[in-house]
Amino acid sequence: MQDEAMLIQLGYAPNEALVKQLKEIQENTSGYEKIQKHIMDLNDHLKVNNGYVALSNSKNYFKIKIEAVTPELAEEAHEKVQHFSEKFKIKVEKLPKKETYYILGYHH
């Protein structure tokens, strides 16, 4: 998937700075080529829970943000992230006291 197409799918209007940020995230995400499709699929699956995948502004990682309006939707979103992590062997890090995860990358 081309970088600009990926940014559009994630809800961004591509520009030079975002493409550069995306490339840095891709380089920092272990096994990125193996998990790129799964990241985009997760983004689609989380939409019903008011969740999404985005570029982190503080670290060179994709982040998963959950903004569910009910505890049930939030719990379901967290379960989807857990399933994504276990099924595709993708390491995620939940930020303390936040509804946010970093996608660290593929782990064997």
PDB file of N, CA and C in Angstrom:
ATOM      1  N   MET A   1       0.853  -1.194   0.000  1.00  0.00           N
ATOM      2  CA  MET A   1       0.000   0.000   0.000  1.00  0.00           C
ATOM      3  C   MET A   1       0.891   1.247   0.000  1.00  0.00           C
ATOM      4  N   GLN A   2       0.575   2.164  -0.868  1.00  0.00           N
ATOM      5  CA  GLN A   2       1.347   3.400  -0.934  1.00  0.00           C
ATOM      6  C   GLN A   2       1.105   4.224   0.334  1.00  0.00           C
ATOM      7  N   ASP A   3       2.128   4.981   0.706  1.00  0.00           N
ATOM      8  CA  ASP A   3       2.046   5.766   1.939  1.00  0.00           C
ATOM      9  C   ASP A   3       0.864   6.739   1.929  1.00  0.00           C
ATOM     10  N   GLU A   4       0.661   7.443   0.822  1.00  0.00           N
ATOM     11  CA  GLU A   4      -0.431   8.418   0.773  1.00  0.00           C
ATOM     12  C   GLU A   4      -1.784   7.731   0.895  1.00  0.00           C
ATOM     13  N   ALA A   5      -1.939   6.574   0.236  1.00  0.00           N
ATOM     14  CA  ALA A   5      -3.206   5.831   0.324  1.00  0.00           C
ATOM     15  C   ALA A   5      -3.453   5.379   1.758  1.00  0.00           C
ATOM     16  N   MET A   6      -2.389   4.956   2.436  1.00  0.00           N
ATOM     17  CA  MET A   6      -2.531   4.522   3.823  1.00  0.00           C
ATOM     18  C   MET A   6      -2.954   5.701   4.712  1.00  0.00           C
ATOM     19  N   LEU A   7      -2.338   6.843   4.498  1.00  0.00           N
ATOM     20  CA  LEU A   7      -2.709   8.026   5.289  1.00  0.00           C
ATOM     21  C   LEU A   7      -4.175   8.393   5.070  1.00  0.00           C
ATOM     22  N   ILE A   8      -4.626   8.336   3.821  1.00  0.00           N
ATOM     23  CA  ILE A   8      -6.020   8.654   3.516  1.00  0.00           C
ATOM     24  C   ILE A   8      -6.937   7.664   4.225  1.00  0.00           C
ATOM     25  N   GLN A   9      -6.578   6.376   4.178  1.00  0.00           N
ATOM     26  CA  GLN A   9      -7.408   5.354   4.820  1.00  0.00           C
ATOM     27  C   GLN A   9      -7.480   5.569   6.338  1.00  0.00           C
ATOM     28  N   LEU A  10      -6.425   6.144   6.906  1.00  0.00           N
ATOM     29  CA  LEU A  10      -6.408   6.434   8.344  1.00  0.00           C
ATOM     30  C   LEU A  10      -7.062   7.784   8.668  1.00  0.00           C
ATOM     31  N   GLY A  11      -7.543   8.481   7.639  1.00  0.00           N
ATOM     32  CA  GLY A  11      -8.279   9.722   7.876  1.00  0.00           C
ATOM     33  C   GLY A  11      -7.449  10.991   7.810  1.00  0.00           C
ATOM     34  N   TYR A  12      -6.247  10.898   7.277  1.00  0.00           N
ATOM     35  CA  TYR A  12      -5.379  12.079   7.164  1.00  0.00           C
ATOM     36  C   TYR A  12      -5.433  12.649   5.752  1.00  0.00           C
ATOM     37  N   ALA A  13      -5.148  13.936   5.632  1.00  0.00           N
ATOM     38  CA  ALA A  13      -4.919  14.562   4.330  1.00  0.00           C
ATOM     39  C   ALA A  13      -3.405  14.552   4.125  1.00  0.00           C
ATOM     40  N   PRO A  14      -2.911  13.713   3.212  1.00  0.00           N
ATOM     41  CA  PRO A  14      -1.456  13.534   3.085  1.00  0.00           C
ATOM     42  C   PRO A  14      -0.732  14.833   2.755  1.00  0.00           C
ATOM     43  N   ASN A  15       0.396  15.000   3.393  1.00  0.00           N
ATOM     44  CA  ASN A  15       1.316  16.079   3.048  1.00  0.00           C
ATOM     45  C   ASN A  15       2.728  15.559   3.321  1.00  0.00           C
ATOM     46  N   GLU A  16       3.727  16.357   2.980  1.00  0.00           N
ATOM     47  CA  GLU A  16       5.117  15.915   3.093  1.00  0.00           C
ATOM     48  C   GLU A  16       5.486  15.511   4.525  1.00  0.00           C
ATOM     49  N   ALA A  17       5.060  16.300   5.489  1.00  0.00           N
ATOM     50  CA  ALA A  17       5.402  16.022   6.894  1.00  0.00           C
ATOM     51  C   ALA A  17       4.771  14.707   7.358  1.00  0.00           C
ATOM     52  N   LEU A  18       3.520  14.451   6.971  1.00  0.00           N
ATOM     53  CA  LEU A  18       2.858  13.206   7.381  1.00  0.00           C
ATOM     54  C   LEU A  18       3.489  11.989   6.723  1.00  0.00           C
ATOM     55  N   VAL A  19       3.865  12.110   5.448  1.00  0.00           N
ATOM     56  CA  VAL A  19       4.521  10.998   4.751  1.00  0.00           C
ATOM     57  C   VAL A  19       5.857  10.697   5.437  1.00  0.00           C
ATOM     58  N   LYS A  20       6.583  11.745   5.805  1.00  0.00           N
ATOM     59  CA  LYS A  20       7.867  11.561   6.508  1.00  0.00           C
ATOM     60  C   LYS A  20       7.627  10.882   7.865  1.00  0.00           C
ATOM     61  N   GLN A  21       6.620  11.341   8.606  1.00  0.00           N
ATOM     62  CA  GLN A  21       6.299  10.748   9.904  1.00  0.00           C
ATOM     63  C   GLN A  21       5.903   9.277   9.736  1.00  0.00           C
ATOM     64  N   LEU A  22       5.103   8.980   8.721  1.00  0.00           N
ATOM     65  CA  LEU A  22       4.683   7.606   8.465  1.00  0.00           C
ATOM     66  C   LEU A  22       5.895   6.723   8.170  1.00  0.00           C
ATOM     67  N   LYS A  23       6.830   7.223   7.359  1.00  0.00           N
ATOM     68  CA  LYS A  23       8.034   6.442   7.033  1.00  0.00           C
ATOM     69  C   LYS A  23       8.855   6.151   8.291  1.00  0.00           C
ATOM     70  N   GLU A  24       8.967   7.140   9.180  1.00  0.00           N
ATOM     71  CA  GLU A  24       9.712   6.941  10.437  1.00  0.00           C
ATOM     72  C   GLU A  24       9.016   5.890  11.303  1.00  0.00           C
ATOM     73  N   ILE A  25       7.703   5.922  11.350  1.00  0.00           N
ATOM     74  CA  ILE A  25       6.938   4.929  12.118  1.00  0.00           C
ATOM     75  C   ILE A  25       7.129   3.543  11.513  1.00  0.00           C
ATOM     76  N   GLN A  26       7.062   3.463  10.179  1.00  0.00           N
ATOM     77  CA  GLN A  26       7.243   2.179   9.499  1.00  0.00           C
ATOM     78  C   GLN A  26       8.617   1.588   9.823  1.00  0.00           C
ATOM     79  N   GLU A  27       9.656   2.424   9.781  1.00  0.00           N
ATOM     80  CA  GLU A  27      11.021   1.957  10.063  1.00  0.00           C
ATOM     81  C   GLU A  27      11.179   1.540  11.517  1.00  0.00           C
ATOM     82  N   ASN A  28      10.425   2.155  12.411  1.00  0.00           N
ATOM     83  CA  ASN A  28      10.532   1.879  13.847  1.00  0.00           C
ATOM     84  C   ASN A  28       9.656   0.699  14.295  1.00  0.00           C
ATOM     85  N   THR A  29       8.760   0.237  13.428  1.00  0.00           N
ATOM     86  CA  THR A  29       7.829  -0.834  13.767  1.00  0.00           C
ATOM     87  C   THR A  29       8.397  -2.149  13.263  1.00  0.00           C
ATOM     88  N   SER A  30       8.818  -3.013  14.182  1.00  0.00           N
ATOM     89  CA  SER A  30       9.447  -4.266  13.764  1.00  0.00           C
ATOM     90  C   SER A  30       8.473  -5.123  12.962  1.00  0.00           C
ATOM     91  N   GLY A  31       8.973  -5.688  11.854  1.00  0.00           N
ATOM     92  CA  GLY A  31       8.158  -6.548  11.009  1.00  0.00           C
ATOM     93  C   GLY A  31       7.008  -5.832  10.334  1.00  0.00           C
ATOM     94  N   TYR A  32       7.165  -4.549  10.081  1.00  0.00           N
ATOM     95  CA  TYR A  32       6.076  -3.728   9.552  1.00  0.00           C
ATOM     96  C   TYR A  32       5.416  -4.343   8.310  1.00  0.00           C
ATOM     97  N   GLU A  33       6.232  -4.864   7.385  1.00  0.00           N
ATOM     98  CA  GLU A  33       5.687  -5.410   6.134  1.00  0.00           C
ATOM     99  C   GLU A  33       4.697  -6.540   6.420  1.00  0.00           C
ATOM    100  N   LYS A  34       4.985  -7.336   7.457  1.00  0.00           N
ATOM    101  CA  LYS A  34       4.134  -8.473   7.794  1.00  0.00           C
ATOM    102  C   LYS A  34       2.805  -8.039   8.418  1.00  0.00           C
ATOM    103  N   ILE A  35       2.781  -6.893   9.063  1.00  0.00           N
ATOM    104  CA  ILE A  35       1.594  -6.521   9.851  1.00  0.00           C
ATOM    105  C   ILE A  35       0.815  -5.329   9.299  1.00  0.00           C
ATOM    106  N   GLN A  36       1.297  -4.719   8.235  1.00  0.00           N
ATOM    107  CA  GLN A  36       0.646  -3.518   7.694  1.00  0.00           C
ATOM    108  C   GLN A  36      -0.837  -3.756   7.419  1.00  0.00           C
ATOM    109  N   LYS A  37      -1.169  -4.846   6.741  1.00  0.00           N
ATOM    110  CA  LYS A  37      -2.566  -5.140   6.405  1.00  0.00           C
ATOM    111  C   LYS A  37      -3.399  -5.315   7.679  1.00  0.00           C
ATOM    112  N   HIS A  38      -2.832  -5.980   8.682  1.00  0.00           N
ATOM    113  CA  HIS A  38      -3.561  -6.217   9.932  1.00  0.00           C
ATOM    114  C   HIS A  38      -3.845  -4.907  10.667  1.00  0.00           C
ATOM    115  N   ILE A  39      -2.921  -3.965  10.586  1.00  0.00           N
ATOM    116  CA  ILE A  39      -3.124  -2.655  11.216  1.00  0.00           C
ATOM    117  C   ILE A  39      -4.320  -1.955  10.562  1.00  0.00           C
ATOM    118  N   MET A  40      -4.385  -2.010   9.232  1.00  0.00           N
ATOM    119  CA  MET A  40      -5.482  -1.361   8.527  1.00  0.00           C
ATOM    120  C   MET A  40      -6.810  -2.075   8.819  1.00  0.00           C
ATOM    121  N   ASP A  41      -6.779  -3.403   8.893  1.00  0.00           N
ATOM    122  CA  ASP A  41      -7.994  -4.161   9.230  1.00  0.00           C
ATOM    123  C   ASP A  41      -8.479  -3.798  10.630  1.00  0.00           C
ATOM    124  N   LEU A  42      -7.537  -3.685  11.576  1.00  0.00           N
ATOM    125  CA  LEU A  42      -7.911  -3.318  12.942  1.00  0.00           C
ATOM    126  C   LEU A  42      -8.588  -1.947  12.954  1.00  0.00           C
ATOM    127  N   ASN A  43      -8.043  -1.010  12.188  1.00  0.00           N
ATOM    128  CA  ASN A  43      -8.635   0.322  12.114  1.00  0.00           C
ATOM    129  C   ASN A  43     -10.103   0.223  11.682  1.00  0.00           C
ATOM    130  N   ASP A  44     -10.376  -0.605  10.679  1.00  0.00           N
ATOM    131  CA  ASP A  44     -11.759  -0.784  10.209  1.00  0.00           C
ATOM    132  C   ASP A  44     -12.638  -1.417  11.288  1.00  0.00           C
ATOM    133  N   HIS A  45     -12.114  -2.451  11.963  1.00  0.00           N
ATOM    134  CA  HIS A  45     -12.893  -3.162  12.985  1.00  0.00           C
ATOM    135  C   HIS A  45     -13.219  -2.276  14.194  1.00  0.00           C
ATOM    136  N   LEU A  46     -12.348  -1.322  14.488  1.00  0.00           N
ATOM    137  CA  LEU A  46     -12.549  -0.477  15.677  1.00  0.00           C
ATOM    138  C   LEU A  46     -13.523   0.679  15.454  1.00  0.00           C
ATOM    139  N   LYS A  47     -13.848   0.967  14.209  1.00  0.00           N
ATOM    140  CA  LYS A  47     -14.710   2.132  13.932  1.00  0.00           C
ATOM    141  C   LYS A  47     -16.048   2.051  14.654  1.00  0.00           C
ATOM    142  N   VAL A  48     -16.621   0.846  14.738  1.00  0.00           N
ATOM    143  CA  VAL A  48     -17.918   0.713  15.426  1.00  0.00           C
ATOM    144  C   VAL A  48     -17.802   0.975  16.927  1.00  0.00           C
ATOM    145  N   ASN A  49     -16.586   0.938  17.465  1.00  0.00           N
ATOM    146  CA  ASN A  49     -16.349   1.189  18.886  1.00  0.00           C
ATOM    147  C   ASN A  49     -15.810   2.601  19.127  1.00  0.00           C
ATOM    148  N   ASN A  50     -15.890   3.458  18.125  1.00  0.00           N
ATOM    149  CA  ASN A  50     -15.261   4.792  18.196  1.00  0.00           C
ATOM    150  C   ASN A  50     -13.773   4.666  18.507  1.00  0.00           C
ATOM    151  N   GLY A  51     -13.144   3.704  17.894  1.00  0.00           N
ATOM    152  CA  GLY A  51     -11.708   3.530  18.023  1.00  0.00           C
ATOM    153  C   GLY A  51     -11.074   3.662  16.659  1.00  0.00           C
ATOM    154  N   TYR A  52      -9.761   3.897  16.654  1.00  0.00           N
ATOM    155  CA  TYR A  52      -9.070   4.064  15.380  1.00  0.00           C
ATOM    156  C   TYR A  52      -7.560   3.923  15.587  1.00  0.00           C
ATOM    157  N   VAL A  53      -6.877   3.734  14.473  1.00  0.00           N
ATOM    158  CA  VAL A  53      -5.418   3.717  14.470  1.00  0.00           C
ATOM    159  C   VAL A  53      -4.969   5.078  13.949  1.00  0.00           C
ATOM    160  N   ALA A  54      -3.935   5.636  14.570  1.00  0.00           N
ATOM    161  CA  ALA A  54      -3.435   6.951  14.168  1.00  0.00           C
ATOM    162  C   ALA A  54      -1.912   6.962  14.266  1.00  0.00           C
ATOM    163  N   LEU A  55      -1.320   8.042  13.791  1.00  0.00           N
ATOM    164  CA  LEU A  55       0.120   8.241  13.955  1.00  0.00           C
ATOM    165  C   LEU A  55       0.321   8.924  15.300  1.00  0.00           C
ATOM    166  N   SER A  56       1.235   8.394  16.092  1.00  0.00           N
ATOM    167  CA  SER A  56       1.516   9.024  17.382  1.00  0.00           C
ATOM    168  C   SER A  56       2.359  10.272  17.155  1.00  0.00           C
ATOM    169  N   ASN A  57       2.041  11.334  17.875  1.00  0.00           N
ATOM    170  CA  ASN A  57       2.838  12.558  17.776  1.00  0.00           C
ATOM    171  C   ASN A  57       4.018  12.567  18.740  1.00  0.00           C
ATOM    172  N   SER A  58       3.992  11.659  19.726  1.00  0.00           N
ATOM    173  CA  SER A  58       5.053  11.689  20.735  1.00  0.00           C
ATOM    174  C   SER A  58       6.109  10.599  20.538  1.00  0.00           C
ATOM    175  N   LYS A  59       5.752   9.502  19.872  1.00  0.00           N
ATOM    176  CA  LYS A  59       6.710   8.414  19.628  1.00  0.00           C
ATOM    177  C   LYS A  59       6.536   7.925  18.201  1.00  0.00           C
ATOM    178  N   ASN A  60       7.563   7.310  17.651  1.00  0.00           N
ATOM    179  CA  ASN A  60       7.483   6.799  16.286  1.00  0.00           C
ATOM    180  C   ASN A  60       6.781   5.445  16.238  1.00  0.00           C
ATOM    181  N   TYR A  61       5.507   5.452  16.584  1.00  0.00           N
ATOM    182  CA  TYR A  61       4.681   4.260  16.540  1.00  0.00           C
ATOM    183  C   TYR A  61       3.290   4.629  16.039  1.00  0.00           C
ATOM    184  N   PHE A  62       2.588   3.609  15.534  1.00  0.00           N
ATOM    185  CA  PHE A  62       1.150   3.776  15.344  1.00  0.00           C
ATOM    186  C   PHE A  62       0.537   3.700  16.726  1.00  0.00           C
ATOM    187  N   LYS A  63      -0.536   4.438  16.931  1.00  0.00           N
ATOM    188  CA  LYS A  63      -1.238   4.306  18.200  1.00  0.00           C
ATOM    189  C   LYS A  63      -2.668   3.880  17.913  1.00  0.00           C
ATOM    190  N   ILE A  64      -3.229   3.181  18.874  1.00  0.00           N
ATOM    191  CA  ILE A  64      -4.626   2.775  18.819  1.00  0.00           C
ATOM    192  C   ILE A  64      -5.332   3.603  19.878  1.00  0.00           C
ATOM    193  N   LYS A  65      -6.326   4.342  19.452  1.00  0.00           N
ATOM    194  CA  LYS A  65      -7.050   5.224  20.368  1.00  0.00           C
ATOM    195  C   LYS A  65      -8.488   4.723  20.467  1.00  0.00           C
ATOM    196  N   ILE A  66      -8.965   4.554  21.679  1.00  0.00           N
ATOM    197  CA  ILE A  66     -10.335   4.092  21.902  1.00  0.00           C
ATOM    198  C   ILE A  66     -11.113   5.217  22.577  1.00  0.00           C
ATOM    199  N   GLU A  67     -12.132   5.702  21.883  1.00  0.00           N
ATOM    200  CA  GLU A  67     -12.962   6.795  22.403  1.00  0.00           C
ATOM    201  C   GLU A  67     -14.422   6.350  22.482  1.00  0.00           C
ATOM    202  N   ALA A  68     -14.619   5.137  22.976  1.00  0.00           N
ATOM    203  CA  ALA A  68     -15.964   4.557  23.053  1.00  0.00           C
ATOM    204  C   ALA A  68     -16.850   5.374  23.978  1.00  0.00           C
ATOM    205  N   VAL A  69     -18.128   5.431  23.622  1.00  0.00           N
ATOM    206  CA  VAL A  69     -19.078   6.237  24.398  1.00  0.00           C
ATOM    207  C   VAL A  69     -19.712   5.471  25.551  1.00  0.00           C
ATOM    208  N   THR A  70     -19.566   4.138  25.555  1.00  0.00           N
ATOM    209  CA  THR A  70     -20.105   3.341  26.659  1.00  0.00           C
ATOM    210  C   THR A  70     -19.031   2.374  27.140  1.00  0.00           C
ATOM    211  N   PRO A  71     -19.106   1.952  28.397  1.00  0.00           N
ATOM    212  CA  PRO A  71     -18.139   0.969  28.905  1.00  0.00           C
ATOM    213  C   PRO A  71     -18.162  -0.339  28.102  1.00  0.00           C
ATOM    214  N   GLU A  72     -19.346  -0.716  27.620  1.00  0.00           N
ATOM    215  CA  GLU A  72     -19.454  -1.960  26.848  1.00  0.00           C
ATOM    216  C   GLU A  72     -18.689  -1.861  25.534  1.00  0.00           C
ATOM    217  N   LEU A  73     -18.848  -0.737  24.851  1.00  0.00           N
ATOM    218  CA  LEU A  73     -18.117  -0.538  23.594  1.00  0.00           C
ATOM    219  C   LEU A  73     -16.614  -0.456  23.845  1.00  0.00           C
ATOM    220  N   ALA A  74     -16.227   0.169  24.943  1.00  0.00           N
ATOM    221  CA  ALA A  74     -14.810   0.263  25.286  1.00  0.00           C
ATOM    222  C   ALA A  74     -14.234  -1.123  25.552  1.00  0.00           C
ATOM    223  N   GLU A  75     -14.947  -1.916  26.323  1.00  0.00           N
ATOM    224  CA  GLU A  75     -14.486  -3.267  26.644  1.00  0.00           C
ATOM    225  C   GLU A  75     -14.340  -4.101  25.371  1.00  0.00           C
ATOM    226  N   GLU A  76     -15.322  -3.991  24.485  1.00  0.00           N
ATOM    227  CA  GLU A  76     -15.267  -4.721  23.216  1.00  0.00           C
ATOM    228  C   GLU A  76     -14.055  -4.271  22.393  1.00  0.00           C
ATOM    229  N   ALA A  77     -13.777  -2.986  22.392  1.00  0.00           N
ATOM    230  CA  ALA A  77     -12.623  -2.463  21.649  1.00  0.00           C
ATOM    231  C   ALA A  77     -11.320  -3.014  22.225  1.00  0.00           C
ATOM    232  N   HIS A  78     -11.208  -3.043  23.550  1.00  0.00           N
ATOM    233  CA  HIS A  78     -10.003  -3.587  24.181  1.00  0.00           C
ATOM    234  C   HIS A  78      -9.845  -5.072  23.834  1.00  0.00           C
ATOM    235  N   GLU A  79     -10.959  -5.794  23.782  1.00  0.00           N
ATOM    236  CA  GLU A  79     -10.905  -7.206  23.405  1.00  0.00           C
ATOM    237  C   GLU A  79     -10.425  -7.365  21.962  1.00  0.00           C
ATOM    238  N   LYS A  80     -10.866  -6.476  21.082  1.00  0.00           N
ATOM    239  CA  LYS A  80     -10.423  -6.519  19.683  1.00  0.00           C
ATOM    240  C   LYS A  80      -8.912  -6.276  19.588  1.00  0.00           C
ATOM    241  N   VAL A  81      -8.411  -5.334  20.374  1.00  0.00           N
ATOM    242  CA  VAL A  81      -6.973  -5.049  20.370  1.00  0.00           C
ATOM    243  C   VAL A  81      -6.210  -6.272  20.881  1.00  0.00           C
ATOM    244  N   GLN A  82      -6.706  -6.881  21.947  1.00  0.00           N
ATOM    245  CA  GLN A  82      -6.071  -8.076  22.511  1.00  0.00           C
ATOM    246  C   GLN A  82      -6.047  -9.208  21.485  1.00  0.00           C
ATOM    247  N   HIS A  83      -7.169  -9.415  20.817  1.00  0.00           N
ATOM    248  CA  HIS A  83      -7.282 -10.462  19.803  1.00  0.00           C
ATOM    249  C   HIS A  83      -6.300 -10.200  18.657  1.00  0.00           C
ATOM    250  N   PHE A  84      -6.241  -8.958  18.195  1.00  0.00           N
ATOM    251  CA  PHE A  84      -5.317  -8.524  17.142  1.00  0.00           C
ATOM    252  C   PHE A  84      -3.878  -8.838  17.553  1.00  0.00           C
ATOM    253  N   SER A  85      -3.541  -8.515  18.784  1.00  0.00           N
ATOM    254  CA  SER A  85      -2.190  -8.729  19.297  1.00  0.00           C
ATOM    255  C   SER A  85      -1.847 -10.222  19.343  1.00  0.00           C
ATOM    256  N   GLU A  86      -2.747 -11.026  19.877  1.00  0.00           N
ATOM    257  CA  GLU A  86      -2.481 -12.457  20.026  1.00  0.00           C
ATOM    258  C   GLU A  86      -2.498 -13.187  18.679  1.00  0.00           C
ATOM    259  N   LYS A  87      -3.503 -12.913  17.860  1.00  0.00           N
ATOM    260  CA  LYS A  87      -3.665 -13.647  16.601  1.00  0.00           C
ATOM    261  C   LYS A  87      -2.507 -13.397  15.634  1.00  0.00           C
ATOM    262  N   PHE A  88      -2.055 -12.165  15.540  1.00  0.00           N
ATOM    263  CA  PHE A  88      -1.037 -11.817  14.546  1.00  0.00           C
ATOM    264  C   PHE A  88       0.346 -11.616  15.153  1.00  0.00           C
ATOM    265  N   LYS A  89       0.500 -11.969  16.444  1.00  0.00           N
ATOM    266  CA  LYS A  89       1.789 -11.846  17.144  1.00  0.00           C
ATOM    267  C   LYS A  89       2.342 -10.417  17.043  1.00  0.00           C
ATOM    268  N   ILE A  90       1.482  -9.481  17.390  1.00  0.00           N
ATOM    269  CA  ILE A  90       1.858  -8.071  17.338  1.00  0.00           C
ATOM    270  C   ILE A  90       1.919  -7.528  18.755  1.00  0.00           C
ATOM    271  N   LYS A  91       3.072  -6.982  19.083  1.00  0.00           N
ATOM    272  CA  LYS A  91       3.263  -6.444  20.425  1.00  0.00           C
ATOM    273  C   LYS A  91       2.639  -5.051  20.523  1.00  0.00           C
ATOM    274  N   VAL A  92       1.760  -4.895  21.520  1.00  0.00           N
ATOM    275  CA  VAL A  92       1.157  -3.590  21.787  1.00  0.00           C
ATOM    276  C   VAL A  92       1.478  -3.199  23.230  1.00  0.00           C
ATOM    277  N   GLU A  93       1.518  -1.918  23.464  1.00  0.00           N
ATOM    278  CA  GLU A  93       1.780  -1.408  24.822  1.00  0.00           C
ATOM    279  C   GLU A  93       0.649  -0.464  25.193  1.00  0.00           C
ATOM    280  N   LYS A  94      -0.081  -0.805  26.267  1.00  0.00           N
ATOM    281  CA  LYS A  94      -1.171   0.066  26.729  1.00  0.00           C
ATOM    282  C   LYS A  94      -0.576   1.167  27.596  1.00  0.00           C
ATOM    283  N   LEU A  95      -0.993   2.374  27.346  1.00  0.00           N
ATOM    284  CA  LEU A  95      -0.507   3.485  28.158  1.00  0.00           C
ATOM    285  C   LEU A  95      -1.287   3.526  29.462  1.00  0.00           C
ATOM    286  N   PRO A  96      -0.593   3.694  30.572  1.00  0.00           N
ATOM    287  CA  PRO A  96      -1.279   3.706  31.870  1.00  0.00           C
ATOM    288  C   PRO A  96      -2.343   4.801  31.938  1.00  0.00           C
ATOM    289  N   LYS A  97      -3.505   4.441  32.457  1.00  0.00           N
ATOM    290  CA  LYS A  97      -4.609   5.381  32.694  1.00  0.00           C
ATOM    291  C   LYS A  97      -5.110   6.071  31.425  1.00  0.00           C
ATOM    292  N   LYS A  98      -4.870   5.452  30.265  1.00  0.00           N
ATOM    293  CA  LYS A  98      -5.360   6.020  29.013  1.00  0.00           C
ATOM    294  C   LYS A  98      -5.992   4.908  28.185  1.00  0.00           C
ATOM    295  N   GLU A  99      -6.863   5.303  27.287  1.00  0.00           N
ATOM    296  CA  GLU A  99      -7.499   4.352  26.371  1.00  0.00           C
ATOM    297  C   GLU A  99      -6.688   4.326  25.075  1.00  0.00           C
ATOM    298  N   THR A 100      -5.386   4.168  25.230  1.00  0.00           N
ATOM    299  CA  THR A 100      -4.460   4.248  24.102  1.00  0.00           C
ATOM    300  C   THR A 100      -3.427   3.140  24.189  1.00  0.00           C
ATOM    301  N   TYR A 101      -3.075   2.604  23.025  1.00  0.00           N
ATOM    302  CA  TYR A 101      -2.004   1.615  22.907  1.00  0.00           C
ATOM    303  C   TYR A 101      -1.021   2.089  21.850  1.00  0.00           C
ATOM    304  N   TYR A 102       0.225   1.654  21.970  1.00  0.00           N
ATOM    305  CA  TYR A 102       1.183   1.793  20.878  1.00  0.00           C
ATOM    306  C   TYR A 102       1.315   0.427  20.218  1.00  0.00           C
ATOM    307  N   ILE A 103       1.428   0.423  18.899  1.00  0.00           N
ATOM    308  CA  ILE A 103       1.722  -0.813  18.164  1.00  0.00           C
ATOM    309  C   ILE A 103       3.238  -0.859  17.986  1.00  0.00           C
ATOM    310  N   LEU A 104       3.897  -1.762  18.726  1.00  0.00           N
ATOM    311  CA  LEU A 104       5.352  -1.821  18.722  1.00  0.00           C
ATOM    312  C   LEU A 104       5.888  -2.640  17.558  1.00  0.00           C
ATOM    313  N   GLY A 105       5.125  -3.622  17.122  1.00  0.00           N
ATOM    314  CA  GLY A 105       5.553  -4.395  15.959  1.00  0.00           C
ATOM    315  C   GLY A 105       5.379  -5.871  16.133  1.00  0.00           C
ATOM    316  N   TYR A 106       5.812  -6.575  15.118  1.00  0.00           N
ATOM    317  CA  TYR A 106       5.693  -8.025  15.058  1.00  0.00           C
ATOM    318  C   TYR A 106       6.677  -8.657  16.029  1.00  0.00           C
ATOM    319  N   HIS A 107       6.259  -9.675  16.772  1.00  0.00           N
ATOM    320  CA  HIS A 107       7.195 -10.403  17.602  1.00  0.00           C
ATOM    321  C   HIS A 107       6.957 -11.887  17.404  1.00  0.00           C
ATOM    322  N   HIS A 108       8.040 -12.628  17.350  1.00  0.00           N
ATOM    323  CA  HIS A 108       7.983 -14.066  17.011  1.00  0.00           C
ATOM    324  C   HIS A 108       7.530 -14.886  18.203  1.00  0.00           C
TER     325      HIS A 108
END
